All heavy atoms as atom14 arrays in JSON, in Angstrom:
{
  "sequence": "LQDTLIAADEESPLCLLGIIGSTKAACDEHTTDILIESAL",
  "atom14_mask": [
    [1, 1, 1, 1, 1, 1, 1, 1, 0, 0, 0, 0, 0, 0],
    [1, 1, 1, 1, 1, 1, 1, 1, 1, 0, 0, 0, 0, 0],
    [1, 1, 1, 1, 1, 1, 1, 1, 0, 0, 0, 0, 0, 0],
    [1, 1, 1, 1, 1, 1, 1, 0, 0, 0, 0, 0, 0, 0],
    [1, 1, 1, 1, 1, 1, 1, 1, 0, 0, 0, 0, 0, 0],
    [1, 1, 1, 1, 1, 1, 1, 1, 0, 0, 0, 0, 0, 0],
    [1, 1, 1, 1, 1, 0, 0, 0, 0, 0, 0, 0, 0, 0],
    [1, 1, 1, 1, 1, 0, 0, 0, 0, 0, 0, 0, 0, 0],
    [1, 1, 1, 1, 1, 1, 1, 1, 0, 0, 0, 0, 0, 0],
    [1, 1, 1, 1, 1, 1, 1, 1, 1, 0, 0, 0, 0, 0],
    [1, 1, 1, 1, 1, 1, 1, 1, 1, 0, 0, 0, 0, 0],
    [1, 1, 1, 1, 1, 1, 0, 0, 0, 0, 0, 0, 0, 0],
    [1, 1, 1, 1, 1, 1, 1, 0, 0, 0, 0, 0, 0, 0],
    [1, 1, 1, 1, 1, 1, 1, 1, 0, 0, 0, 0, 0, 0],
    [1, 1, 1, 1, 1, 1, 0, 0, 0, 0, 0, 0, 0, 0],
    [1, 1, 1, 1, 1, 1, 1, 1, 0, 0, 0, 0, 0, 0],
    [1, 1, 1, 1, 1, 1, 1, 1, 0, 0, 0, 0, 0, 0],
    [1, 1, 1, 1, 0, 0, 0, 0, 0, 0, 0, 0, 0, 0],
    [1, 1, 1, 1, 1, 1, 1, 1, 0, 0, 0, 0, 0, 0],
    [1, 1, 1, 1, 1, 1, 1, 1, 0, 0, 0, 0, 0, 0],
    [1, 1, 1, 1, 0, 0, 0, 0, 0, 0, 0, 0, 0, 0],
    [1, 1, 1, 1, 1, 1, 0, 0, 0, 0, 0, 0, 0, 0],
    [1, 1, 1, 1, 1, 1, 1, 0, 0, 0, 0, 0, 0, 0],
    [1, 1, 1, 1, 1, 1, 1, 1, 1, 0, 0, 0, 0, 0],
    [1, 1, 1, 1, 1, 0, 0, 0, 0, 0, 0, 0, 0, 0],
    [1, 1, 1, 1, 1, 0, 0, 0, 0, 0, 0, 0, 0, 0],
    [1, 1, 1, 1, 1, 1, 0, 0, 0, 0, 0, 0, 0, 0],
    [1, 1, 1, 1, 1, 1, 1, 1, 0, 0, 0, 0, 0, 0],
    [1, 1, 1, 1, 1, 1, 1, 1, 1, 0, 0, 0, 0, 0],
    [1, 1, 1, 1, 1, 1, 1, 1, 1, 1, 0, 0, 0, 0],
    [1, 1, 1, 1, 1, 1, 1, 0, 0, 0, 0, 0, 0, 0],
    [1, 1, 1, 1, 1, 1, 1, 0, 0, 0, 0, 0, 0, 0],
    [1, 1, 1, 1, 1, 1, 1, 1, 0, 0, 0, 0, 0, 0],
    [1, 1, 1, 1, 1, 1, 1, 1, 0, 0, 0, 0, 0, 0],
    [1, 1, 1, 1, 1, 1, 1, 1, 0, 0, 0, 0, 0, 0],
    [1, 1, 1, 1, 1, 1, 1, 1, 0, 0, 0, 0, 0, 0],
    [1, 1, 1, 1, 1, 1, 1, 1, 1, 0, 0, 0, 0, 0],
    [1, 1, 1, 1, 1, 1, 0, 0, 0, 0, 0, 0, 0, 0],
    [1, 1, 1, 1, 1, 0, 0, 0, 0, 0, 0, 0, 0, 0],
    [1, 1, 1, 1, 1, 1, 1, 1, 0, 0, 0, 0, 0, 0]
  ],
  "atom14_positions": [
    [[0.84, -1.2, 0.0], [0.0, 0.0, 0.0], [0.88, 1.25, 0.0], [2.1, 1.18, 0.05], [-0.94, -0.04, 1.2], [-1.94, -1.2, 1.21], [-2.89, -1.08, 2.39], [-2.72, -1.26, -0.09], [0.0, 0.0, 0.0], [0.0, 0.0, 0.0], [0.0, 0.0, 0.0], [0.0, 0.0, 0.0], [0.0, 0.0, 0.0], [0.0, 0.0, 0.0]],
    [[0.25, 2.42, 0.0], [0.97, 3.66, -0.27], [1.89, 4.13, 0.87], [2.74, 4.96, 0.63], [-0.03, 4.77, -0.6], [-0.68, 4.58, -1.97], [-1.68, 5.68, -2.28], [-2.36, 6.17, -1.38], [-1.79, 6.05, -3.54], [0.0, 0.0, 0.0], [0.0, 0.0, 0.0], [0.0, 0.0, 0.0], [0.0, 0.0, 0.0], [0.0, 0.0, 0.0]],
    [[1.7, 3.63, 2.08], [2.48, 4.17, 3.2], [3.66, 3.28, 3.56], [4.17, 3.32, 4.67], [1.58, 4.37, 4.42], [0.94, 3.06, 4.89], [1.03, 2.06, 4.15], [0.37, 3.05, 5.99], [0.0, 0.0, 0.0], [0.0, 0.0, 0.0], [0.0, 0.0, 0.0], [0.0, 0.0, 0.0], [0.0, 0.0, 0.0], [0.0, 0.0, 0.0]],
    [[4.15, 2.46, 2.61], [5.3, 1.6, 2.87], [6.55, 2.25, 2.32], [6.6, 2.63, 1.14], [5.1, 0.22, 2.2], [3.88, -0.36, 2.68], [6.26, -0.71, 2.54], [0.0, 0.0, 0.0], [0.0, 0.0, 0.0], [0.0, 0.0, 0.0], [0.0, 0.0, 0.0], [0.0, 0.0, 0.0], [0.0, 0.0, 0.0], [0.0, 0.0, 0.0]],
    [[7.59, 2.38, 3.15], [8.83, 3.02, 2.73], [9.75, 1.98, 2.1], [10.03, 0.94, 2.71], [9.52, 3.68, 3.94], [10.69, 4.63, 3.64], [10.21, 5.8, 2.79], [11.3, 5.13, 4.94], [0.0, 0.0, 0.0], [0.0, 0.0, 0.0], [0.0, 0.0, 0.0], [0.0, 0.0, 0.0], [0.0, 0.0, 0.0], [0.0, 0.0, 0.0]],
    [[10.2, 2.24, 0.9], [11.0, 1.27, 0.16], [12.23, 1.91, -0.47], [12.34, 3.13, -0.58], [10.18, 0.6, -0.97], [9.72, 1.65, -1.98], [9.01, -0.18, -0.41], [9.13, 1.07, -3.26], [0.0, 0.0, 0.0], [0.0, 0.0, 0.0], [0.0, 0.0, 0.0], [0.0, 0.0, 0.0], [0.0, 0.0, 0.0], [0.0, 0.0, 0.0]],
    [[13.17, 1.05, -0.87], [14.23, 1.44, -1.81], [13.88, 0.78, -3.12], [13.57, -0.42, -3.17], [15.59, 0.96, -1.3], [0.0, 0.0, 0.0], [0.0, 0.0, 0.0], [0.0, 0.0, 0.0], [0.0, 0.0, 0.0], [0.0, 0.0, 0.0], [0.0, 0.0, 0.0], [0.0, 0.0, 0.0], [0.0, 0.0, 0.0], [0.0, 0.0, 0.0]],
    [[13.91, 1.55, -4.22], [13.52, 1.01, -5.52], [14.45, 1.55, -6.6], [14.98, 2.66, -6.49], [12.07, 1.4, -5.84], [0.0, 0.0, 0.0], [0.0, 0.0, 0.0], [0.0, 0.0, 0.0], [0.0, 0.0, 0.0], [0.0, 0.0, 0.0], [0.0, 0.0, 0.0], [0.0, 0.0, 0.0], [0.0, 0.0, 0.0], [0.0, 0.0, 0.0]],
    [[14.65, 0.74, -7.64], [15.38, 1.26, -8.8], [14.34, 1.76, -9.79], [13.17, 1.97, -9.44], [16.33, 0.22, -9.38], [15.62, -1.02, -9.95], [14.37, -1.02, -10.02], [16.32, -1.98, -10.3], [0.0, 0.0, 0.0], [0.0, 0.0, 0.0], [0.0, 0.0, 0.0], [0.0, 0.0, 0.0], [0.0, 0.0, 0.0], [0.0, 0.0, 0.0]],
    [[14.73, 1.94, -11.04], [13.82, 2.53, -12.02], [12.79, 1.53, -12.55], [11.92, 1.89, -13.34], [14.62, 3.14, -13.17], [15.47, 4.33, -12.7], [16.34, 4.91, -13.81], [16.27, 4.4, -14.94], [17.08, 5.87, -13.52], [0.0, 0.0, 0.0], [0.0, 0.0, 0.0], [0.0, 0.0, 0.0], [0.0, 0.0, 0.0], [0.0, 0.0, 0.0]],
    [[12.89, 0.26, -12.08], [11.95, -0.75, -12.55], [11.0, -1.25, -11.48], [9.82, -1.45, -11.74], [12.73, -1.95, -13.12], [13.49, -1.63, -14.4], [14.19, -2.85, -14.96], [14.22, -3.9, -14.27], [14.71, -2.77, -16.09], [0.0, 0.0, 0.0], [0.0, 0.0, 0.0], [0.0, 0.0, 0.0], [0.0, 0.0, 0.0], [0.0, 0.0, 0.0]],
    [[11.5, -1.46, -10.24], [10.67, -2.08, -9.22], [11.26, -1.9, -7.83], [12.44, -1.53, -7.68], [10.53, -3.59, -9.53], [11.81, -4.2, -9.52], [0.0, 0.0, 0.0], [0.0, 0.0, 0.0], [0.0, 0.0, 0.0], [0.0, 0.0, 0.0], [0.0, 0.0, 0.0], [0.0, 0.0, 0.0], [0.0, 0.0, 0.0], [0.0, 0.0, 0.0]],
    [[10.48, -2.19, -6.76], [11.0, -2.13, -5.39], [12.11, -3.16, -5.17], [12.02, -4.28, -5.66], [9.78, -2.45, -4.53], [8.6, -2.11, -5.39], [9.02, -2.45, -6.78], [0.0, 0.0, 0.0], [0.0, 0.0, 0.0], [0.0, 0.0, 0.0], [0.0, 0.0, 0.0], [0.0, 0.0, 0.0], [0.0, 0.0, 0.0], [0.0, 0.0, 0.0]],
    [[13.12, -2.76, -4.4], [14.25, -3.65, -4.1], [14.33, -4.03, -2.63], [14.96, -5.02, -2.28], [15.57, -2.99, -4.51], [15.74, -2.59, -5.97], [17.1, -1.93, -6.18], [15.58, -3.8, -6.88], [0.0, 0.0, 0.0], [0.0, 0.0, 0.0], [0.0, 0.0, 0.0], [0.0, 0.0, 0.0], [0.0, 0.0, 0.0], [0.0, 0.0, 0.0]],
    [[13.7, -3.22, -1.77], [13.81, -3.5, -0.34], [12.68, -2.82, 0.43], [12.36, -1.65, 0.16], [15.16, -2.98, 0.18], [15.46, -3.29, 1.93], [0.0, 0.0, 0.0], [0.0, 0.0, 0.0], [0.0, 0.0, 0.0], [0.0, 0.0, 0.0], [0.0, 0.0, 0.0], [0.0, 0.0, 0.0], [0.0, 0.0, 0.0], [0.0, 0.0, 0.0]],
    [[12.04, -3.56, 1.34], [11.17, -2.94, 2.34], [12.09, -2.46, 3.43], [12.59, -3.26, 4.23], [10.16, -3.96, 2.88], [9.21, -4.62, 1.88], [8.28, -5.57, 2.61], [8.42, -3.57, 1.11], [0.0, 0.0, 0.0], [0.0, 0.0, 0.0], [0.0, 0.0, 0.0], [0.0, 0.0, 0.0], [0.0, 0.0, 0.0], [0.0, 0.0, 0.0]],
    [[12.36, -1.19, 3.48], [13.43, -0.65, 4.32], [13.24, -1.03, 5.78], [12.17, -0.87, 6.36], [13.5, 0.87, 4.16], [14.03, 1.33, 2.79], [13.88, 2.84, 2.64], [15.48, 0.92, 2.59], [0.0, 0.0, 0.0], [0.0, 0.0, 0.0], [0.0, 0.0, 0.0], [0.0, 0.0, 0.0], [0.0, 0.0, 0.0], [0.0, 0.0, 0.0]],
    [[14.32, -1.55, 6.35], [14.32, -1.94, 7.75], [13.74, -3.31, 8.03], [13.8, -3.79, 9.16], [0.0, 0.0, 0.0], [0.0, 0.0, 0.0], [0.0, 0.0, 0.0], [0.0, 0.0, 0.0], [0.0, 0.0, 0.0], [0.0, 0.0, 0.0], [0.0, 0.0, 0.0], [0.0, 0.0, 0.0], [0.0, 0.0, 0.0], [0.0, 0.0, 0.0]],
    [[13.21, -3.97, 6.98], [12.52, -5.25, 7.2], [13.13, -6.38, 6.38], [13.66, -7.34, 6.93], [11.01, -5.1, 6.93], [10.41, -4.08, 7.9], [10.3, -6.46, 7.09], [8.95, -3.78, 7.67], [0.0, 0.0, 0.0], [0.0, 0.0, 0.0], [0.0, 0.0, 0.0], [0.0, 0.0, 0.0], [0.0, 0.0, 0.0], [0.0, 0.0, 0.0]],
    [[13.06, -6.28, 5.04], [13.56, -7.38, 4.21], [13.8, -6.89, 2.79], [13.12, -5.98, 2.3], [12.56, -8.56, 4.21], [13.21, -9.84, 3.68], [11.3, -8.22, 3.44], [12.37, -11.1, 3.9], [0.0, 0.0, 0.0], [0.0, 0.0, 0.0], [0.0, 0.0, 0.0], [0.0, 0.0, 0.0], [0.0, 0.0, 0.0], [0.0, 0.0, 0.0]],
    [[14.79, -7.5, 2.14], [15.1, -7.17, 0.76], [14.37, -8.06, -0.22], [13.64, -8.99, 0.17], [0.0, 0.0, 0.0], [0.0, 0.0, 0.0], [0.0, 0.0, 0.0], [0.0, 0.0, 0.0], [0.0, 0.0, 0.0], [0.0, 0.0, 0.0], [0.0, 0.0, 0.0], [0.0, 0.0, 0.0], [0.0, 0.0, 0.0], [0.0, 0.0, 0.0]],
    [[14.56, -7.78, -1.51], [13.94, -8.58, -2.57], [14.95, -9.55, -3.15], [16.16, -9.44, -2.92], [13.42, -7.67, -3.68], [14.51, -7.17, -4.44], [0.0, 0.0, 0.0], [0.0, 0.0, 0.0], [0.0, 0.0, 0.0], [0.0, 0.0, 0.0], [0.0, 0.0, 0.0], [0.0, 0.0, 0.0], [0.0, 0.0, 0.0], [0.0, 0.0, 0.0]],
    [[14.43, -10.5, -3.92], [15.32, -11.42, -4.61], [16.05, -10.73, -5.76], [17.13, -11.16, -6.15], [14.5, -12.6, -5.19], [13.45, -12.08, -6.03], [13.88, -13.42, -4.08], [0.0, 0.0, 0.0], [0.0, 0.0, 0.0], [0.0, 0.0, 0.0], [0.0, 0.0, 0.0], [0.0, 0.0, 0.0], [0.0, 0.0, 0.0], [0.0, 0.0, 0.0]],
    [[15.49, -9.65, -6.28], [16.0, -9.03, -7.5], [17.43, -8.53, -7.34], [18.27, -8.72, -8.23], [15.09, -7.88, -7.93], [15.59, -7.18, -9.19], [14.73, -6.0, -9.58], [15.35, -5.25, -10.75], [14.59, -4.05, -11.12], [0.0, 0.0, 0.0], [0.0, 0.0, 0.0], [0.0, 0.0, 0.0], [0.0, 0.0, 0.0], [0.0, 0.0, 0.0]],
    [[17.73, -7.88, -6.21], [19.06, -7.29, -6.03], [19.88, -8.04, -5.0], [20.82, -7.49, -4.42], [18.92, -5.82, -5.64], [0.0, 0.0, 0.0], [0.0, 0.0, 0.0], [0.0, 0.0, 0.0], [0.0, 0.0, 0.0], [0.0, 0.0, 0.0], [0.0, 0.0, 0.0], [0.0, 0.0, 0.0], [0.0, 0.0, 0.0], [0.0, 0.0, 0.0]],
    [[19.53, -9.3, -4.75], [20.24, -10.09, -3.74], [21.64, -10.46, -4.22], [21.87, -10.7, -5.41], [19.45, -11.35, -3.41], [0.0, 0.0, 0.0], [0.0, 0.0, 0.0], [0.0, 0.0, 0.0], [0.0, 0.0, 0.0], [0.0, 0.0, 0.0], [0.0, 0.0, 0.0], [0.0, 0.0, 0.0], [0.0, 0.0, 0.0], [0.0, 0.0, 0.0]],
    [[22.57, -10.56, -3.28], [23.94, -10.95, -3.6], [24.01, -12.46, -3.79], [23.32, -13.22, -3.11], [24.89, -10.54, -2.47], [25.0, -8.75, -2.24], [0.0, 0.0, 0.0], [0.0, 0.0, 0.0], [0.0, 0.0, 0.0], [0.0, 0.0, 0.0], [0.0, 0.0, 0.0], [0.0, 0.0, 0.0], [0.0, 0.0, 0.0], [0.0, 0.0, 0.0]],
    [[24.86, -12.89, -4.72], [25.09, -14.32, -4.94], [26.56, -14.55, -5.24], [27.38, -13.64, -5.08], [24.2, -14.84, -6.08], [24.37, -14.06, -7.38], [25.51, -13.62, -7.66], [23.38, -13.87, -8.11], [0.0, 0.0, 0.0], [0.0, 0.0, 0.0], [0.0, 0.0, 0.0], [0.0, 0.0, 0.0], [0.0, 0.0, 0.0], [0.0, 0.0, 0.0]],
    [[26.91, -15.77, -5.69], [28.32, -16.11, -5.9], [28.95, -15.32, -7.05], [30.18, -15.27, -7.18], [28.46, -17.62, -6.16], [27.86, -18.12, -7.45], [26.39, -18.5, -7.33], [25.75, -18.08, -6.34], [25.88, -19.21, -8.22], [0.0, 0.0, 0.0], [0.0, 0.0, 0.0], [0.0, 0.0, 0.0], [0.0, 0.0, 0.0], [0.0, 0.0, 0.0]],
    [[28.12, -14.69, -7.89], [28.63, -13.91, -9.01], [28.78, -12.43, -8.67], [29.26, -11.66, -9.51], [27.71, -14.06, -10.22], [27.49, -15.49, -10.65], [28.51, -16.3, -11.1], [26.37, -16.26, -10.66], [28.04, -17.49, -11.38], [26.75, -17.51, -11.12], [0.0, 0.0, 0.0], [0.0, 0.0, 0.0], [0.0, 0.0, 0.0], [0.0, 0.0, 0.0]],
    [[28.39, -12.03, -7.48], [28.43, -10.61, -7.1], [29.87, -10.11, -7.0], [30.7, -10.73, -6.33], [27.72, -10.41, -5.75], [26.34, -10.77, -5.88], [27.82, -8.96, -5.29], [0.0, 0.0, 0.0], [0.0, 0.0, 0.0], [0.0, 0.0, 0.0], [0.0, 0.0, 0.0], [0.0, 0.0, 0.0], [0.0, 0.0, 0.0], [0.0, 0.0, 0.0]],
    [[30.14, -8.99, -7.63], [31.48, -8.38, -7.57], [31.44, -6.96, -7.0], [32.41, -6.49, -6.43], [32.12, -8.33, -8.96], [31.26, -7.61, -9.87], [32.37, -9.74, -9.49], [0.0, 0.0, 0.0], [0.0, 0.0, 0.0], [0.0, 0.0, 0.0], [0.0, 0.0, 0.0], [0.0, 0.0, 0.0], [0.0, 0.0, 0.0], [0.0, 0.0, 0.0]],
    [[30.31, -6.26, -7.18], [30.17, -4.88, -6.7], [28.92, -4.8, -5.82], [27.86, -5.32, -6.2], [30.04, -3.89, -7.86], [31.2, -3.99, -8.84], [32.31, -4.38, -8.41], [30.99, -3.68, -10.03], [0.0, 0.0, 0.0], [0.0, 0.0, 0.0], [0.0, 0.0, 0.0], [0.0, 0.0, 0.0], [0.0, 0.0, 0.0], [0.0, 0.0, 0.0]],
    [[29.03, -4.14, -4.68], [27.9, -4.09, -3.75], [27.6, -2.67, -3.3], [28.48, -1.8, -3.3], [28.15, -4.97, -2.51], [29.42, -4.52, -1.77], [28.24, -6.44, -2.89], [29.65, -5.24, -0.45], [0.0, 0.0, 0.0], [0.0, 0.0, 0.0], [0.0, 0.0, 0.0], [0.0, 0.0, 0.0], [0.0, 0.0, 0.0], [0.0, 0.0, 0.0]],
    [[26.35, -2.47, -2.9], [25.9, -1.24, -2.25], [25.46, -1.6, -0.84], [24.61, -2.47, -0.66], [24.73, -0.61, -3.01], [24.04, 0.57, -2.32], [24.97, 1.78, -2.27], [22.73, 0.92, -3.02], [0.0, 0.0, 0.0], [0.0, 0.0, 0.0], [0.0, 0.0, 0.0], [0.0, 0.0, 0.0], [0.0, 0.0, 0.0], [0.0, 0.0, 0.0]],
    [[26.08, -0.95, 0.16], [25.74, -1.21, 1.56], [24.85, -0.08, 2.06], [25.13, 1.1, 1.83], [27.0, -1.28, 2.44], [27.99, -2.31, 1.86], [26.64, -1.65, 3.87], [29.35, -2.26, 2.55], [0.0, 0.0, 0.0], [0.0, 0.0, 0.0], [0.0, 0.0, 0.0], [0.0, 0.0, 0.0], [0.0, 0.0, 0.0], [0.0, 0.0, 0.0]],
    [[23.78, -0.45, 2.74], [22.86, 0.53, 3.36], [22.85, 0.34, 4.87], [22.66, -0.78, 5.36], [21.45, 0.35, 2.8], [20.36, 1.07, 3.57], [19.07, 0.25, 3.6], [18.61, -0.15, 2.52], [18.56, 0.01, 4.72], [0.0, 0.0, 0.0], [0.0, 0.0, 0.0], [0.0, 0.0, 0.0], [0.0, 0.0, 0.0], [0.0, 0.0, 0.0]],
    [[23.07, 1.43, 5.6], [22.98, 1.42, 7.06], [22.12, 2.61, 7.45], [22.45, 3.75, 7.11], [24.39, 1.55, 7.67], [24.34, 1.6, 9.07], [0.0, 0.0, 0.0], [0.0, 0.0, 0.0], [0.0, 0.0, 0.0], [0.0, 0.0, 0.0], [0.0, 0.0, 0.0], [0.0, 0.0, 0.0], [0.0, 0.0, 0.0], [0.0, 0.0, 0.0]],
    [[21.01, 2.35, 8.14], [20.03, 3.42, 8.33], [19.4, 3.41, 9.71], [19.56, 2.46, 10.48], [18.95, 3.32, 7.26], [0.0, 0.0, 0.0], [0.0, 0.0, 0.0], [0.0, 0.0, 0.0], [0.0, 0.0, 0.0], [0.0, 0.0, 0.0], [0.0, 0.0, 0.0], [0.0, 0.0, 0.0], [0.0, 0.0, 0.0], [0.0, 0.0, 0.0]],
    [[18.69, 4.48, 10.01], [17.87, 4.58, 11.21], [16.41, 4.7, 10.77], [16.09, 5.47, 9.87], [18.25, 5.81, 12.04], [19.69, 5.87, 12.55], [19.94, 7.2, 13.26], [19.99, 4.71, 13.49], [0.0, 0.0, 0.0], [0.0, 0.0, 0.0], [0.0, 0.0, 0.0], [0.0, 0.0, 0.0], [0.0, 0.0, 0.0], [0.0, 0.0, 0.0]]
  ]
}
C-alpha cells in the first residue's frame, strides 16, 4: 500500500526498508560490486 517506505530502482521495489530485501538485487556467488545501506 501507499504508506510503505522502500528502496527502488527505475523498474521495481528492491527493499522494504528496515525489514527485508527482494530477490532481485540479492547478492550471490557472481556478485562483484555491492551497495551497503545502514540506516535509522
